[in-house]
N, C-alpha and C. Protein backbone atom coordinates (compact mmCIF):
# COMPACT_ATOMS: atom_id res chain seq x y z
N MET A 1 -13.44 3.37 -30.26
CA MET A 1 -13.22 3.42 -28.78
C MET A 1 -11.46 2.52 -28.49
N LYS A 2 -11.33 2.70 -27.16
CA LYS A 2 -10.06 2.37 -26.48
C LYS A 2 -10.31 1.64 -25.31
N ALA A 3 -9.55 0.11 -24.97
CA ALA A 3 -9.38 -1.00 -24.08
C ALA A 3 -8.42 -0.97 -23.51
N ILE A 4 -8.62 -1.63 -22.30
CA ILE A 4 -7.51 -2.16 -21.47
C ILE A 4 -7.58 -4.16 -21.35
N VAL A 5 -6.39 -4.08 -22.14
CA VAL A 5 -6.00 -5.96 -21.93
C VAL A 5 -5.60 -6.01 -21.01
N SER A 6 -5.56 -7.04 -20.08
CA SER A 6 -4.72 -7.77 -19.17
C SER A 6 -4.56 -8.85 -19.45
N VAL A 7 -3.27 -9.28 -18.85
CA VAL A 7 -3.16 -11.10 -19.47
C VAL A 7 -2.04 -11.38 -17.94
N PHE A 8 -2.64 -12.49 -17.37
CA PHE A 8 -1.71 -13.08 -16.16
C PHE A 8 -1.85 -14.45 -16.47
N ALA A 9 -0.95 -14.97 -16.09
CA ALA A 9 -0.60 -16.46 -16.44
C ALA A 9 0.84 -17.01 -15.64
N ARG A 10 1.24 -18.43 -15.72
CA ARG A 10 2.47 -18.55 -15.01
C ARG A 10 3.31 -18.73 -16.58
N ASP A 11 4.88 -18.37 -16.33
CA ASP A 11 5.52 -17.40 -17.93
C ASP A 11 5.42 -18.95 -18.31
N ALA A 12 5.53 -18.87 -19.74
CA ALA A 12 5.70 -19.54 -20.79
C ALA A 12 6.03 -19.03 -22.07
N LYS A 13 6.55 -19.79 -22.79
CA LYS A 13 7.48 -19.03 -24.19
C LYS A 13 6.00 -18.99 -24.88
N GLY A 14 6.30 -18.09 -25.48
CA GLY A 14 5.23 -17.21 -26.83
C GLY A 14 3.90 -16.79 -26.07
N ILE A 15 3.53 -16.35 -25.21
CA ILE A 15 2.41 -15.42 -24.36
C ILE A 15 2.10 -14.45 -25.53
N THR A 16 3.55 -13.57 -25.22
CA THR A 16 3.08 -12.15 -26.11
C THR A 16 2.99 -12.36 -27.54
N ALA A 17 3.67 -13.46 -28.13
CA ALA A 17 2.64 -13.83 -29.75
C ALA A 17 1.60 -14.61 -29.95
N TYR A 18 1.33 -15.38 -28.66
CA TYR A 18 0.09 -15.45 -28.67
C TYR A 18 -1.34 -14.57 -28.69
N VAL A 19 -0.89 -13.73 -27.82
CA VAL A 19 -1.92 -12.61 -27.15
C VAL A 19 -1.67 -11.56 -28.61
N THR A 20 -0.86 -11.39 -29.07
CA THR A 20 -0.68 -9.78 -30.13
C THR A 20 -1.25 -10.70 -31.92
N ALA A 21 -1.42 -11.99 -31.90
CA ALA A 21 -1.60 -12.33 -32.69
C ALA A 21 -3.59 -12.27 -32.70
N LEU A 22 -3.71 -12.73 -31.81
CA LEU A 22 -5.16 -13.26 -31.36
C LEU A 22 -6.21 -11.50 -31.21
N LEU A 23 -5.26 -10.37 -30.60
CA LEU A 23 -5.64 -9.08 -31.55
C LEU A 23 -5.36 -8.41 -32.76
N ALA A 24 -4.58 -8.89 -33.05
CA ALA A 24 -3.87 -8.83 -34.85
C ALA A 24 -5.24 -9.26 -35.81
N GLU A 25 -5.63 -10.90 -35.74
CA GLU A 25 -6.72 -11.04 -36.15
C GLU A 25 -7.91 -10.88 -36.32
N ARG A 26 -7.93 -9.68 -35.42
CA ARG A 26 -8.93 -9.35 -35.10
C ARG A 26 -8.98 -7.50 -35.40
N GLU A 27 -8.55 -7.21 -35.75
CA GLU A 27 -7.83 -5.86 -36.17
C GLU A 27 -7.58 -4.93 -35.52
N ILE A 28 -7.27 -5.28 -34.26
CA ILE A 28 -7.46 -4.95 -33.26
C ILE A 28 -5.58 -3.93 -32.91
N ASN A 29 -5.78 -2.66 -32.74
CA ASN A 29 -4.32 -2.10 -33.10
C ASN A 29 -3.86 -1.86 -31.61
N ILE A 30 -2.64 -2.07 -31.00
CA ILE A 30 -1.80 -2.16 -29.35
C ILE A 30 -1.27 -0.82 -29.66
N LEU A 31 -1.70 -0.06 -28.41
CA LEU A 31 -1.59 1.35 -28.63
C LEU A 31 -0.28 1.07 -27.65
N ASP A 32 0.10 1.10 -26.79
CA ASP A 32 1.15 1.03 -25.61
C ASP A 32 1.18 -0.69 -25.31
N ILE A 33 1.88 -1.24 -24.55
CA ILE A 33 2.37 -2.45 -24.21
C ILE A 33 2.92 -2.33 -23.40
N SER A 34 2.63 -2.79 -21.67
CA SER A 34 3.75 -3.18 -20.87
C SER A 34 3.41 -4.41 -20.13
N GLN A 35 4.76 -5.02 -20.05
CA GLN A 35 4.88 -6.73 -19.48
C GLN A 35 5.76 -7.04 -18.45
N THR A 36 5.80 -7.49 -17.58
CA THR A 36 6.86 -8.14 -16.60
C THR A 36 6.46 -8.99 -16.49
N LEU A 37 7.78 -10.11 -15.61
CA LEU A 37 7.71 -11.06 -14.89
C LEU A 37 8.10 -11.06 -13.59
N MET A 38 7.42 -11.96 -12.79
CA MET A 38 7.42 -11.38 -11.33
C MET A 38 7.58 -13.20 -11.20
N GLN A 39 9.14 -13.60 -10.55
CA GLN A 39 9.49 -14.86 -10.50
C GLN A 39 8.22 -15.78 -11.62
N GLU A 40 7.75 -16.52 -11.30
CA GLU A 40 7.26 -17.71 -12.45
C GLU A 40 6.25 -16.99 -13.02
N TYR A 41 5.48 -15.93 -12.73
CA TYR A 41 4.13 -15.35 -13.19
C TYR A 41 4.70 -14.28 -14.05
N PHE A 42 3.53 -13.99 -15.12
CA PHE A 42 3.68 -13.20 -16.19
C PHE A 42 2.72 -12.23 -16.18
N ALA A 43 2.58 -10.96 -16.74
CA ALA A 43 1.36 -10.15 -16.33
C ALA A 43 2.07 -9.40 -17.36
N MET A 44 1.11 -8.76 -17.93
CA MET A 44 0.69 -7.81 -19.41
C MET A 44 -0.20 -7.23 -19.70
N ILE A 45 -0.29 -6.03 -20.01
CA ILE A 45 -0.81 -4.78 -19.59
C ILE A 45 -0.75 -3.84 -21.05
N MET A 46 -2.06 -3.93 -22.56
CA MET A 46 -2.05 -3.16 -23.25
C MET A 46 -3.64 -1.97 -23.58
N LEU A 47 -3.00 -1.34 -23.81
CA LEU A 47 -3.91 -0.12 -24.50
C LEU A 47 -4.42 -0.24 -25.75
N VAL A 48 -5.50 -0.25 -26.29
CA VAL A 48 -5.88 -0.77 -27.42
C VAL A 48 -6.63 0.03 -27.78
N ASP A 49 -6.98 -0.23 -29.42
CA ASP A 49 -7.64 0.47 -30.60
C ASP A 49 -8.59 -0.29 -31.26
N LEU A 50 -10.18 0.01 -30.79
CA LEU A 50 -11.23 -1.25 -30.80
C LEU A 50 -11.65 -0.33 -32.26
N ALA A 51 -11.36 0.58 -32.79
CA ALA A 51 -12.05 1.22 -34.01
C ALA A 51 -12.48 0.07 -35.46
N ASP A 52 -11.21 -0.72 -35.79
CA ASP A 52 -11.69 -1.53 -36.75
C ASP A 52 -12.16 -2.70 -36.95
N CYS A 53 -12.56 -3.34 -35.30
CA CYS A 53 -12.63 -4.80 -34.77
C CYS A 53 -14.23 -4.48 -34.96
N PRO A 54 -13.75 -6.08 -36.05
CA PRO A 54 -15.85 -6.39 -36.56
C PRO A 54 -16.36 -7.00 -35.31
N LEU A 55 -16.20 -7.31 -34.05
CA LEU A 55 -16.49 -8.14 -33.30
C LEU A 55 -17.55 -6.84 -32.13
N SER A 56 -18.55 -7.43 -31.69
CA SER A 56 -18.97 -6.12 -30.18
C SER A 56 -18.31 -6.35 -29.43
N PHE A 57 -18.18 -5.54 -27.95
CA PHE A 57 -17.47 -5.80 -27.41
C PHE A 57 -17.42 -6.64 -26.42
N ASP A 58 -18.77 -7.31 -26.15
CA ASP A 58 -18.98 -8.45 -24.99
C ASP A 58 -18.56 -9.70 -25.94
N GLN A 59 -18.76 -9.81 -26.97
CA GLN A 59 -18.25 -10.66 -28.23
C GLN A 59 -16.69 -10.82 -27.97
N LEU A 60 -16.14 -9.47 -28.49
CA LEU A 60 -14.74 -9.80 -27.98
C LEU A 60 -13.81 -9.95 -26.83
N ALA A 61 -14.79 -9.92 -25.60
CA ALA A 61 -14.24 -10.11 -24.32
C ALA A 61 -15.08 -11.56 -24.05
N GLN A 62 -15.94 -12.04 -24.66
CA GLN A 62 -15.76 -13.50 -24.33
C GLN A 62 -15.14 -14.42 -25.13
N GLU A 63 -14.65 -13.87 -26.28
CA GLU A 63 -13.96 -14.71 -27.40
C GLU A 63 -12.15 -14.86 -26.53
N LEU A 64 -11.70 -13.46 -26.35
CA LEU A 64 -10.46 -13.77 -25.81
C LEU A 64 -10.38 -14.18 -24.71
N LYS A 65 -11.41 -14.22 -23.46
CA LYS A 65 -11.45 -14.73 -22.43
C LYS A 65 -11.45 -16.38 -22.75
N ALA A 66 -11.97 -17.22 -23.83
CA ALA A 66 -12.22 -18.50 -24.16
C ALA A 66 -10.40 -18.76 -24.95
N LYS A 67 -10.00 -18.30 -25.41
CA LYS A 67 -8.69 -18.43 -26.11
C LYS A 67 -7.66 -18.43 -25.32
N GLY A 68 -8.05 -17.49 -23.89
CA GLY A 68 -6.69 -17.54 -23.43
C GLY A 68 -7.10 -18.67 -22.49
N ALA A 69 -8.21 -19.25 -22.14
CA ALA A 69 -8.30 -20.51 -21.43
C ALA A 69 -7.69 -21.66 -22.23
N GLU A 70 -7.81 -21.23 -23.85
CA GLU A 70 -7.23 -22.85 -24.07
C GLU A 70 -5.57 -22.93 -23.59
N ARG A 71 -5.15 -21.68 -23.71
CA ARG A 71 -3.85 -22.09 -23.13
C ARG A 71 -3.23 -21.24 -21.80
N ALA A 72 -4.39 -21.59 -21.07
CA ALA A 72 -3.97 -21.26 -19.22
C ALA A 72 -3.96 -19.93 -18.83
N LEU A 73 -4.18 -19.07 -20.02
CA LEU A 73 -3.93 -17.51 -19.76
C LEU A 73 -5.35 -16.67 -19.16
N ASP A 74 -5.25 -15.92 -18.43
CA ASP A 74 -6.30 -15.24 -17.74
C ASP A 74 -6.12 -13.70 -18.87
N ILE A 75 -7.41 -13.49 -19.39
CA ILE A 75 -7.24 -12.80 -20.30
C ILE A 75 -8.49 -11.79 -19.97
N HIS A 76 -8.58 -10.65 -19.52
CA HIS A 76 -9.31 -9.57 -19.71
C HIS A 76 -9.66 -8.27 -20.69
N ILE A 77 -10.48 -7.76 -20.97
CA ILE A 77 -10.40 -7.11 -21.77
C ILE A 77 -11.91 -5.52 -20.67
N GLN A 78 -11.54 -4.17 -20.50
CA GLN A 78 -12.11 -3.70 -20.31
C GLN A 78 -11.93 -2.12 -20.62
N ARG A 79 -13.46 -1.49 -21.23
CA ARG A 79 -13.29 -0.40 -22.33
C ARG A 79 -12.72 0.62 -21.42
N GLN A 80 -11.60 1.77 -21.85
CA GLN A 80 -10.54 3.02 -21.23
C GLN A 80 -11.44 4.04 -20.43
N ASP A 81 -12.40 4.08 -20.66
CA ASP A 81 -13.61 5.01 -20.21
C ASP A 81 -13.72 4.16 -18.95
N ILE A 82 -14.56 3.21 -18.82
CA ILE A 82 -15.18 2.43 -17.70
C ILE A 82 -13.59 2.51 -16.50
N PHE A 83 -12.43 1.66 -16.92
CA PHE A 83 -11.17 1.87 -16.12
C PHE A 83 -10.56 3.00 -15.48
N GLU A 84 -10.37 4.15 -16.86
CA GLU A 84 -10.46 4.84 -15.94
C GLU A 84 -11.07 5.91 -14.59
N ALA A 85 -12.49 5.25 -14.68
CA ALA A 85 -13.81 6.01 -14.31
C ALA A 85 -13.03 4.99 -12.90
N MET A 86 -13.20 3.81 -12.63
CA MET A 86 -12.83 2.66 -11.40
C MET A 86 -11.54 3.60 -10.86
N HIS A 87 -10.48 4.10 -11.42
CA HIS A 87 -9.40 4.35 -10.72
C HIS A 87 -9.31 6.26 -10.45
N ARG A 88 -10.18 6.74 -10.78
CA ARG A 88 -9.95 8.14 -10.32
C ARG A 88 -9.47 8.32 -8.07
N ILE A 89 -9.40 9.23 -8.16
CA ILE A 89 -9.29 9.12 -6.73
C ILE A 89 -10.58 10.57 -6.16
């Protein structure tokens, strides 16, 4: 299964390293990544592959949200098929 991970926060050092380490620890492969800085705000969107992740999708979503909150990051994950269905015209 593939998913979209989004990260939003005030800019700070190490955000990308922190989030990508969280994903790697859970055997999640990053397939594509985009990030930008808008004044003092950081935004990152990733397409990830969950095939080897040992957690259920709901467990993963809760864990990413909690780990993000520890660093004042807003981390969300959404299944790719649902994301695409929501954004079809």
